[in-house]
Amino acid sequence: MLLDDGSTVTARREVILTAGALATPKILQLSGIGPAAHLREHGIDVVLDLPGVGENYQDHLEATVQCETKDPISIFGEDKGLRAASHMMQYLLTKTGLLTSTVVESGGFVDTAGTGEPDIQFHVLPAFNGFADRSAHAGHGISIGPCVLRPQSRGSVRLRSTNPSDAALFVANSLAEQADVETLVRGVQIAIRISEAPSLARLVKRRVLPKPGLETDPDALRDYVRAISKTVFHPSGTAKMGAADDPMAVVSEDLRVRGVEGLRVADASIMPRLVSGNTNAPTMMIGERAARFILGKETAA
């Protein structure tokens, strides 16, 4: 194989699994790689007993604070009718305008526990934020969403059946650890203070979530966090990298699945602990390192 720099390498035949933290363990388990007892329950021949496959699930959870604005200054309604068409035309002609936005217009990292390291990331959107089971509040508003960066809770991904078309048996186990609840409560309290700061308060008509007065009751805030929290789509950890003496490690430092020849995993499932921020760039880095490992351009040492 001729590389861009003119050098040559001998490519080895390898399979790279990049299905993500939910699908990767499912594929491994269907292939006979995973917790032996679980595989036998489904009548799957055990190719390799790796108890860590499907364990160690982690994700970033967000609990939102939302305020209605006095003026129509959010993006509410901008995706409808002539407004939407005008945004599309502006983008096609000039590559500028609303369609160049990530919608998450600003953010930040905060150390709420005094450890010296941020444990909360804020996502700020110029819109009310709904979710799968909760419609967004109608009208113009702003959402300030603190998410817990270093969750202690762990979930799992197991097989529901041997039918590849069946969804995995996914137990997120979110907020199972009280420490995660307390971190989000501190994040919500800071988000409320941000919404009440003079520079923002002059734009705000009223707070919609959580209801005014709730911040004075710690138990009510804990209930609110448990009720409102949602994923920010950073699933990780279900085929974690680890040392040779770690019984729960699924892949080695060079992304090889332990005990299997010619199989690597290159997605966020290999993260032993969820990174303290967005997972897109780290996952791209994992893929880049996998390519370099395969081409012999880099070693894990």
Protein backbone atom coordinates (compact mmCIF):
# COMPACT_ATOMS: atom_id res chain seq x y z
CA MET A 1 0.00 0.00 0.00
CA LEU A 2 1.44 3.39 -1.05
CA LEU A 3 0.94 6.18 1.48
CA ASP A 4 0.69 9.92 0.80
CA ASP A 5 4.29 10.46 1.92
CA GLY A 6 5.57 7.93 -0.62
CA SER A 7 6.27 5.17 1.90
CA THR A 8 4.74 1.72 1.69
CA VAL A 9 3.20 -0.54 4.30
CA THR A 10 1.90 -4.07 4.29
CA ALA A 11 -1.74 -3.95 5.28
CA ARG A 12 -3.05 -6.70 7.58
CA ARG A 13 -6.58 -8.01 7.36
CA GLU A 14 -8.42 -6.73 10.41
CA VAL A 15 -11.99 -6.03 11.43
CA ILE A 16 -12.63 -2.63 13.02
CA LEU A 17 -15.81 -2.37 15.07
CA THR A 18 -17.12 1.22 15.17
CA ALA A 19 -20.77 0.75 16.02
CA GLY A 20 -20.87 2.87 19.19
CA ALA A 21 -21.37 2.27 22.89
CA LEU A 22 -24.81 0.68 22.46
CA ALA A 23 -24.34 -1.40 19.32
CA THR A 24 -20.71 -2.48 19.76
CA PRO A 25 -21.35 -4.69 22.83
CA LYS A 26 -24.44 -6.11 21.17
CA ILE A 27 -22.43 -7.14 18.10
CA LEU A 28 -19.67 -8.62 20.23
CA GLN A 29 -22.13 -10.60 22.34
CA LEU A 30 -23.99 -11.90 19.28
CA SER A 31 -20.58 -13.03 17.99
CA GLY A 32 -19.90 -15.04 21.15
CA ILE A 33 -17.65 -12.47 22.85
CA GLY A 34 -18.84 -11.30 26.24
CA PRO A 35 -19.94 -12.54 29.68
CA ALA A 36 -20.04 -16.31 29.28
CA ALA A 37 -23.06 -16.90 31.53
CA HIS A 38 -25.11 -14.28 29.67
CA LEU A 39 -24.19 -15.75 26.29
CA ARG A 40 -25.12 -19.26 27.40
CA GLU A 41 -28.50 -17.98 28.61
CA HIS A 42 -29.22 -17.16 24.97
CA GLY A 43 -27.74 -20.38 23.61
CA ILE A 44 -24.76 -18.61 22.05
CA ASP A 45 -21.50 -20.52 21.78
CA VAL A 46 -18.87 -18.77 23.86
CA VAL A 47 -15.94 -17.75 21.67
CA LEU A 48 -14.35 -15.69 24.43
CA ASP A 49 -15.46 -14.97 27.99
CA LEU A 50 -15.02 -11.21 28.38
CA PRO A 51 -17.17 -10.11 31.34
CA GLY A 52 -16.63 -6.40 30.63
CA VAL A 53 -18.48 -6.43 27.30
CA GLY A 54 -21.65 -4.37 27.81
CA GLU A 55 -20.72 -3.17 31.30
CA ASN A 56 -19.44 0.26 32.43
CA TYR A 57 -22.01 2.29 30.43
CA GLN A 58 -21.69 6.05 31.09
CA ASP A 59 -23.33 9.16 29.69
CA HIS A 60 -23.60 12.88 30.33
CA LEU A 61 -26.98 13.92 31.71
CA GLU A 62 -28.39 17.44 31.58
CA ALA A 63 -31.01 19.14 33.76
CA THR A 64 -32.30 22.30 32.13
CA VAL A 65 -33.23 25.75 33.43
CA GLN A 66 -35.53 27.62 31.03
CA CYS A 67 -36.77 31.19 30.88
CA GLU A 68 -39.26 33.01 28.68
CA THR A 69 -37.81 36.14 27.08
CA LYS A 70 -39.55 39.52 27.03
CA ASP A 71 -38.95 40.04 23.33
CA PRO A 72 -39.08 37.65 20.32
CA ILE A 73 -35.31 37.18 20.24
CA SER A 74 -35.02 33.38 20.25
CA ILE A 75 -35.09 30.99 17.29
CA PHE A 76 -38.70 30.00 17.94
CA GLY A 77 -40.56 29.72 14.61
CA GLU A 78 -37.44 30.21 12.51
CA ASP A 79 -37.77 26.68 11.11
CA LYS A 80 -41.24 27.26 9.66
CA GLY A 81 -42.60 28.63 6.38
CA LEU A 82 -41.01 31.61 4.67
CA ARG A 83 -38.62 32.16 7.58
CA ALA A 84 -37.14 28.71 7.07
CA ALA A 85 -36.94 29.21 3.31
CA SER A 86 -35.14 32.52 3.72
CA HIS A 87 -32.56 30.95 6.04
CA MET A 88 -31.94 28.20 3.51
CA MET A 89 -31.48 30.69 0.68
CA GLN A 90 -29.11 32.79 2.77
CA TYR A 91 -27.00 29.77 3.56
CA LEU A 92 -26.93 28.48 -0.02
CA LEU A 93 -25.97 31.89 -1.40
CA THR A 94 -23.62 33.23 1.25
CA LYS A 95 -22.87 30.37 3.66
CA THR A 96 -23.93 32.68 6.51
CA GLY A 97 -26.94 33.04 8.79
CA LEU A 98 -28.87 30.86 11.20
CA LEU A 99 -28.07 27.59 9.43
CA THR A 100 -24.40 28.05 10.28
CA SER A 101 -25.28 27.92 13.97
CA THR A 102 -24.84 24.86 16.19
CA VAL A 103 -27.87 26.17 18.16
CA VAL A 104 -25.77 25.70 21.31
CA GLU A 105 -24.65 29.30 21.10
CA SER A 106 -22.53 29.39 24.23
CA GLY A 107 -21.41 27.28 27.14
CA GLY A 108 -18.89 26.91 29.88
CA PHE A 109 -17.28 24.65 32.47
CA VAL A 110 -17.66 25.11 36.23
CA ASP A 111 -16.15 23.48 39.30
CA THR A 112 -19.14 23.22 41.64
CA ALA A 113 -17.51 20.96 44.25
CA GLY A 114 -14.30 22.92 44.87
CA THR A 115 -12.02 20.12 43.63
CA GLY A 116 -10.11 22.29 41.19
CA GLU A 117 -11.60 20.49 38.18
CA PRO A 118 -14.86 21.29 36.37
CA ASP A 119 -17.67 18.85 37.11
CA ILE A 120 -20.43 20.69 35.20
CA GLN A 121 -20.64 21.79 31.56
CA PHE A 122 -23.27 24.34 30.53
CA HIS A 123 -25.06 24.28 27.17
CA VAL A 124 -26.95 27.51 26.40
CA LEU A 125 -29.59 27.51 23.65
CA PRO A 126 -31.63 30.46 22.32
CA ALA A 127 -34.79 28.36 22.49
CA PHE A 128 -36.93 26.30 24.82
CA ASN A 129 -35.60 22.76 24.97
CA GLY A 130 -37.91 19.74 24.87
CA PHE A 131 -37.14 16.04 24.70
CA ALA A 132 -38.57 12.73 23.53
CA ASP A 133 -41.30 12.57 26.19
CA ARG A 134 -41.57 16.29 26.86
CA SER A 135 -42.66 18.93 24.37
CA ALA A 136 -40.80 22.21 24.34
CA HIS A 137 -42.60 25.16 25.91
CA ALA A 138 -44.19 27.30 23.19
CA GLY A 139 -42.81 30.77 22.59
CA HIS A 140 -39.52 32.59 22.79
CA GLY A 141 -37.08 31.53 25.44
CA ILE A 142 -33.62 30.49 26.51
CA SER A 143 -32.39 27.19 27.94
CA ILE A 144 -29.38 26.89 30.25
CA GLY A 145 -28.48 23.22 30.63
CA PRO A 146 -25.90 22.04 33.16
CA CYS A 147 -24.68 18.48 32.57
CA VAL A 148 -22.67 16.31 34.94
CA LEU A 149 -19.20 15.72 33.47
CA ARG A 150 -17.89 12.87 35.62
CA PRO A 151 -20.83 10.58 36.32
CA GLN A 152 -20.32 7.87 38.90
CA SER A 153 -23.39 5.88 37.83
CA ARG A 154 -22.82 2.87 35.57
CA GLY A 155 -25.25 1.03 33.31
CA SER A 156 -25.17 -2.01 31.04
CA VAL A 157 -26.00 -3.26 27.55
CA ARG A 158 -27.05 -6.89 27.22
CA LEU A 159 -28.78 -9.02 24.62
CA ARG A 160 -32.55 -9.18 24.55
CA SER A 161 -32.46 -12.17 22.22
CA THR A 162 -30.29 -13.76 19.54
CA ASN A 163 -32.22 -11.92 16.82
CA PRO A 164 -29.89 -9.17 15.52
CA SER A 165 -32.95 -7.05 14.68
CA ASP A 166 -34.07 -6.90 18.30
CA ALA A 167 -32.97 -3.90 20.31
CA ALA A 168 -30.43 -4.54 23.03
CA LEU A 169 -31.53 -4.73 26.66
CA PHE A 170 -30.21 -1.35 27.73
CA VAL A 171 -30.18 -0.26 31.37
CA ALA A 172 -28.77 3.27 31.61
CA ASN A 173 -28.92 3.29 35.43
CA SER A 174 -28.74 7.07 35.25
CA LEU A 175 -28.46 8.98 38.53
CA ALA A 176 -28.18 5.73 40.46
CA GLU A 177 -25.35 7.32 42.42
CA GLN A 178 -26.50 10.14 44.67
CA ALA A 179 -23.31 12.07 43.93
CA ASP A 180 -24.51 12.58 40.34
CA VAL A 181 -27.82 13.99 41.60
CA GLU A 182 -26.05 16.39 43.94
CA THR A 183 -23.73 17.59 41.18
CA LEU A 184 -26.68 18.34 38.91
CA VAL A 185 -28.50 20.11 41.72
CA ARG A 186 -25.49 22.41 42.15
CA GLY A 187 -25.45 22.97 38.40
CA VAL A 188 -29.14 23.89 38.35
CA GLN A 189 -28.63 26.32 41.24
CA ILE A 190 -25.83 28.05 39.33
CA ALA A 191 -27.93 28.14 36.14
CA ILE A 192 -30.73 29.84 38.07
CA ARG A 193 -28.28 32.43 39.38
CA ILE A 194 -27.05 33.02 35.82
CA SER A 195 -30.62 33.60 34.64
CA GLU A 196 -31.09 36.14 37.44
CA ALA A 197 -27.85 38.04 36.79
CA PRO A 198 -28.57 41.66 35.75
CA SER A 199 -27.21 41.33 32.21
CA LEU A 200 -29.57 38.43 31.46
CA ALA A 201 -32.43 39.26 33.80
CA ARG A 202 -33.24 42.38 31.80
CA LEU A 203 -34.11 40.10 28.86
CA VAL A 204 -36.10 37.56 30.86
CA LYS A 205 -39.84 37.77 31.44
CA ARG A 206 -40.15 34.77 33.77
CA ARG A 207 -38.57 31.45 34.62
CA VAL A 208 -40.50 28.48 33.27
CA LEU A 209 -38.33 25.59 34.58
CA PRO A 210 -37.87 24.89 37.39
CA LYS A 211 -40.86 26.67 38.86
CA PRO A 212 -39.93 29.80 40.84
CA GLY A 213 -39.39 29.03 44.52
CA LEU A 214 -38.23 25.46 43.93
CA GLU A 215 -34.60 26.47 44.44
CA THR A 216 -35.27 27.07 48.14
CA ASP A 217 -36.12 23.40 48.73
CA PRO A 218 -33.15 21.01 48.23
CA ASP A 219 -35.35 17.91 48.17
CA ALA A 220 -37.63 19.48 45.56
CA LEU A 221 -34.59 20.32 43.44
CA ARG A 222 -33.39 16.72 43.68
CA ASP A 223 -36.82 15.54 42.53
CA TYR A 224 -36.71 18.06 39.70
CA VAL A 225 -33.29 16.85 38.55
CA ARG A 226 -34.48 13.24 38.53
CA ALA A 227 -37.63 14.16 36.61
CA ILE A 228 -36.15 16.48 33.99
CA SER A 229 -32.68 15.07 33.26
CA LYS A 230 -31.96 13.84 29.75
CA THR A 231 -29.04 12.51 27.78
CA VAL A 232 -26.77 14.80 25.79
CA PHE A 233 -25.93 11.80 23.59
CA HIS A 234 -22.45 10.91 24.84
CA PRO A 235 -22.81 7.12 25.48
CA SER A 236 -19.46 5.54 26.29
CA GLY A 237 -17.55 2.87 28.14
CA THR A 238 -19.17 -0.47 27.24
CA ALA A 239 -16.02 -2.09 25.80
CA LYS A 240 -13.45 -0.34 27.90
CA MET A 241 -9.70 -0.19 27.40
CA GLY A 242 -7.64 -1.46 30.28
CA ALA A 243 -4.48 -3.14 31.48
CA ALA A 244 -3.88 -6.86 30.99
CA ASP A 245 -4.64 -7.58 34.65
CA ASP A 246 -8.01 -5.78 34.57
CA PRO A 247 -10.67 -8.52 34.32
CA MET A 248 -13.25 -6.04 32.98
CA ALA A 249 -11.01 -4.66 30.22
CA VAL A 250 -12.26 -5.51 26.71
CA VAL A 251 -9.56 -3.92 24.57
CA SER A 252 -5.85 -3.35 25.04
CA GLU A 253 -3.95 -0.11 24.58
CA ASP A 254 -3.78 -0.64 20.81
CA LEU A 255 -7.58 -1.17 20.63
CA ARG A 256 -7.33 -4.93 20.05
CA VAL A 257 -10.09 -7.05 21.58
CA ARG A 258 -8.29 -9.17 24.14
CA GLY A 259 -7.92 -12.79 23.08
CA VAL A 260 -9.22 -12.28 19.52
CA GLU A 261 -6.95 -12.09 16.51
CA GLY A 262 -7.60 -9.34 13.97
CA LEU A 263 -10.39 -7.50 15.81
CA ARG A 264 -10.26 -3.96 17.16
CA VAL A 265 -12.83 -1.52 18.53
CA ALA A 266 -12.54 2.15 17.58
CA ASP A 267 -15.43 4.11 19.07
CA ALA A 268 -16.44 5.75 22.36
CA SER A 269 -17.18 2.37 23.93
CA ILE A 270 -13.45 1.91 24.62
CA MET A 271 -13.29 4.88 27.02
CA PRO A 272 -12.63 3.58 30.55
CA ARG A 273 -14.12 6.81 31.90
CA LEU A 274 -16.26 9.29 30.07
CA VAL A 275 -14.28 12.35 29.00
CA SER A 276 -15.08 15.65 30.72
CA GLY A 277 -16.63 17.28 27.67
CA ASN A 278 -18.08 16.48 24.27
CA THR A 279 -17.15 13.09 22.83
CA ASN A 280 -16.96 13.95 19.12
CA ALA A 281 -13.30 15.03 18.96
CA PRO A 282 -12.01 12.24 21.27
CA THR A 283 -13.86 9.65 19.20
CA MET A 284 -12.30 11.02 16.02
CA MET A 285 -8.92 10.72 17.73
CA ILE A 286 -9.65 7.08 18.60
CA GLY A 287 -10.41 6.37 14.94
CA GLU A 288 -7.22 8.14 13.84
CA ARG A 289 -5.12 6.14 16.29
CA ALA A 290 -6.76 2.89 15.13
CA ALA A 291 -5.79 3.67 11.54
CA ARG A 292 -2.19 4.39 12.57
CA PHE A 293 -2.00 1.19 14.61
CA ILE A 294 -3.20 -0.89 11.67
CA LEU A 295 -0.81 0.77 9.24
CA GLY A 296 2.07 0.25 11.61
CA LYS A 297 2.66 3.99 11.84
CA GLU A 298 2.32 4.07 15.61
CA THR A 299 2.50 1.79 18.65
CA ALA A 300 0.54 1.90 21.88
CA ALA A 301 3.69 2.37 23.99
